[in-house]
Structures are given as structure tokens and as C-alpha cells.
Amino acid sequence: MERTSGMPIWVYLAFSGIRTRRGALALIGASVLCTLYCVPWPQLFPLPGRLAGLFLVDDWSWFALMVPVTLWYWLSLRWTDRNAIWTTAARKTDS
């Protein structure tokens, strides 16, 4: 994504390497999955040995980090959608 006039720096930093809305949605989806993985599930539910071994997170620090990052990506996508940035970028690549 190229920075346009009036685009906040926080939006540009979120999607500077993303060229399409589909790519931004994939980034947000991966971020949501990572956020869910970062919940310390073995602390919340008694899990059998092998299943508990899949979840390596044993405290809430990673979850506390991933929630604001996911929110940042989502708010950046919302800003770009409201300001039609993806359609402007698509027009530039077509010409």
C-alpha cells in the first residue's frame, strides 16, 4: 500500500507491505488465530497430556500483546474501507 495524503501513519504502518484488501483480511485472520492460540488454555481447562503439550503458552502476556495488535489491524482496515483506499490502489495498478 502506498501512503496517500491524509492517511494516518498508524494505518500505513499496519498495511505498508499489504497490497490488497484480501491480503489485509488474511493478516487479520492470522492475527485472530494467533490471539486464540495465545490464550493459556491449560490454565482454564484440564487437558490431557498430549493435548496440553500443543499449547505452549502458560501465561496471559502473549494474549495481552495480541489483542491490541489485532484491534490495530482491524481499525486500520476499517479506516481504509471508509476512505476507499483499496479502490484507489487498484486503479493505480491497473493503469
Protein backbone atom coordinates (compact mmCIF):
# COMPACT_ATOMS: atom_id res chain seq x y z
CA MET A 1 0.00 0.00 0.00
CA GLU A 2 1.25 3.44 -0.85
CA ARG A 3 0.76 6.24 1.61
CA THR A 4 -1.74 8.81 0.42
CA SER A 5 -2.23 12.32 1.70
CA GLY A 6 -4.37 12.31 4.80
CA MET A 7 -3.59 8.69 5.66
CA PRO A 8 -2.62 8.35 9.32
CA ILE A 9 0.79 6.85 9.96
CA TRP A 10 -0.74 4.06 12.08
CA VAL A 11 -2.76 2.86 9.09
CA TYR A 12 0.24 2.98 6.79
CA LEU A 13 2.41 1.07 9.26
CA ALA A 14 -0.24 -1.65 9.64
CA PHE A 15 -0.54 -2.35 5.91
CA SER A 16 2.66 -1.00 4.37
CA GLY A 17 3.56 -4.43 2.95
CA ILE A 18 -0.01 -5.40 2.01
CA ARG A 19 -1.21 -4.62 -1.50
CA THR A 20 -4.83 -5.82 -1.45
CA ARG A 21 -7.81 -5.90 0.87
CA ARG A 22 -7.73 -9.69 0.64
CA GLY A 23 -4.18 -9.65 1.98
CA ALA A 24 -5.25 -7.38 4.84
CA LEU A 25 -8.10 -9.76 5.68
CA ALA A 26 -5.66 -12.69 5.67
CA LEU A 27 -3.40 -10.78 8.06
CA ILE A 28 -6.32 -10.05 10.39
CA GLY A 29 -7.46 -13.68 10.23
CA ALA A 30 -3.98 -14.93 11.10
CA SER A 31 -3.82 -12.42 13.92
CA VAL A 32 -7.14 -13.65 15.32
CA LEU A 33 -5.94 -17.26 15.17
CA CYS A 34 -2.70 -16.34 16.93
CA THR A 35 -4.67 -14.45 19.56
CA LEU A 36 -6.81 -17.52 20.23
CA TYR A 37 -3.73 -19.72 20.40
CA CYS A 38 -2.15 -17.36 22.95
CA VAL A 39 -4.89 -17.97 25.49
CA PRO A 40 -3.37 -20.20 28.21
CA TRP A 41 -5.92 -22.99 27.68
CA PRO A 42 -4.29 -25.47 30.11
CA GLN A 43 -4.88 -22.97 32.93
CA LEU A 44 -8.57 -22.71 32.06
CA PHE A 45 -9.42 -26.34 31.32
CA PRO A 46 -7.83 -29.59 32.40
CA LEU A 47 -6.42 -31.02 29.16
CA PRO A 48 -4.94 -34.47 28.61
CA GLY A 49 -1.12 -34.68 28.45
CA ARG A 50 -0.57 -34.61 24.69
CA LEU A 51 -3.23 -32.00 24.04
CA ALA A 52 -1.85 -29.79 26.80
CA GLY A 53 1.58 -30.13 25.14
CA LEU A 54 0.24 -28.44 21.99
CA PHE A 55 -0.43 -25.25 23.91
CA LEU A 56 2.94 -23.86 24.91
CA VAL A 57 1.61 -20.59 26.32
CA ASP A 58 1.38 -20.70 30.09
CA ASP A 59 0.61 -17.08 30.96
CA TRP A 60 -1.54 -14.22 29.71
CA SER A 61 1.29 -11.97 28.43
CA TRP A 62 1.14 -13.10 24.79
CA PHE A 63 -2.64 -12.81 24.75
CA ALA A 64 -2.35 -9.32 26.24
CA LEU A 65 0.01 -8.41 23.39
CA MET A 66 -2.04 -9.96 20.58
CA VAL A 67 -5.37 -8.33 21.45
CA PRO A 68 -4.20 -4.73 20.78
CA VAL A 69 -2.32 -5.81 17.64
CA THR A 70 -5.45 -7.48 16.25
CA LEU A 71 -7.51 -4.43 17.17
CA TRP A 72 -4.97 -2.17 15.42
CA TYR A 73 -5.19 -4.21 12.21
CA TRP A 74 -8.98 -4.24 12.35
CA LEU A 75 -9.20 -0.46 12.93
CA SER A 76 -6.73 0.12 10.09
CA LEU A 77 -8.86 -1.99 7.76
CA ARG A 78 -11.94 -0.08 8.84
CA TRP A 79 -10.20 3.24 8.11
CA THR A 80 -9.04 2.10 4.67
CA ASP A 81 -12.51 0.80 3.79
CA ARG A 82 -14.18 4.04 4.83
CA ASN A 83 -11.71 6.11 2.81
CA ALA A 84 -11.76 3.85 -0.29
CA ILE A 85 -8.01 3.31 -0.21
CA TRP A 86 -8.20 -0.18 -1.73
CA THR A 87 -10.10 1.04 -4.80
CA THR A 88 -7.60 3.88 -5.29
CA ALA A 89 -4.70 1.43 -5.07
CA ALA A 90 -6.40 -0.94 -7.53
CA ARG A 91 -6.83 1.88 -10.05
CA LYS A 92 -3.14 2.76 -9.83
CA THR A 93 -2.05 -0.82 -10.53
CA ASP A 94 -4.44 -1.18 -13.49
CA SER A 95 -3.02 1.80 -15.34
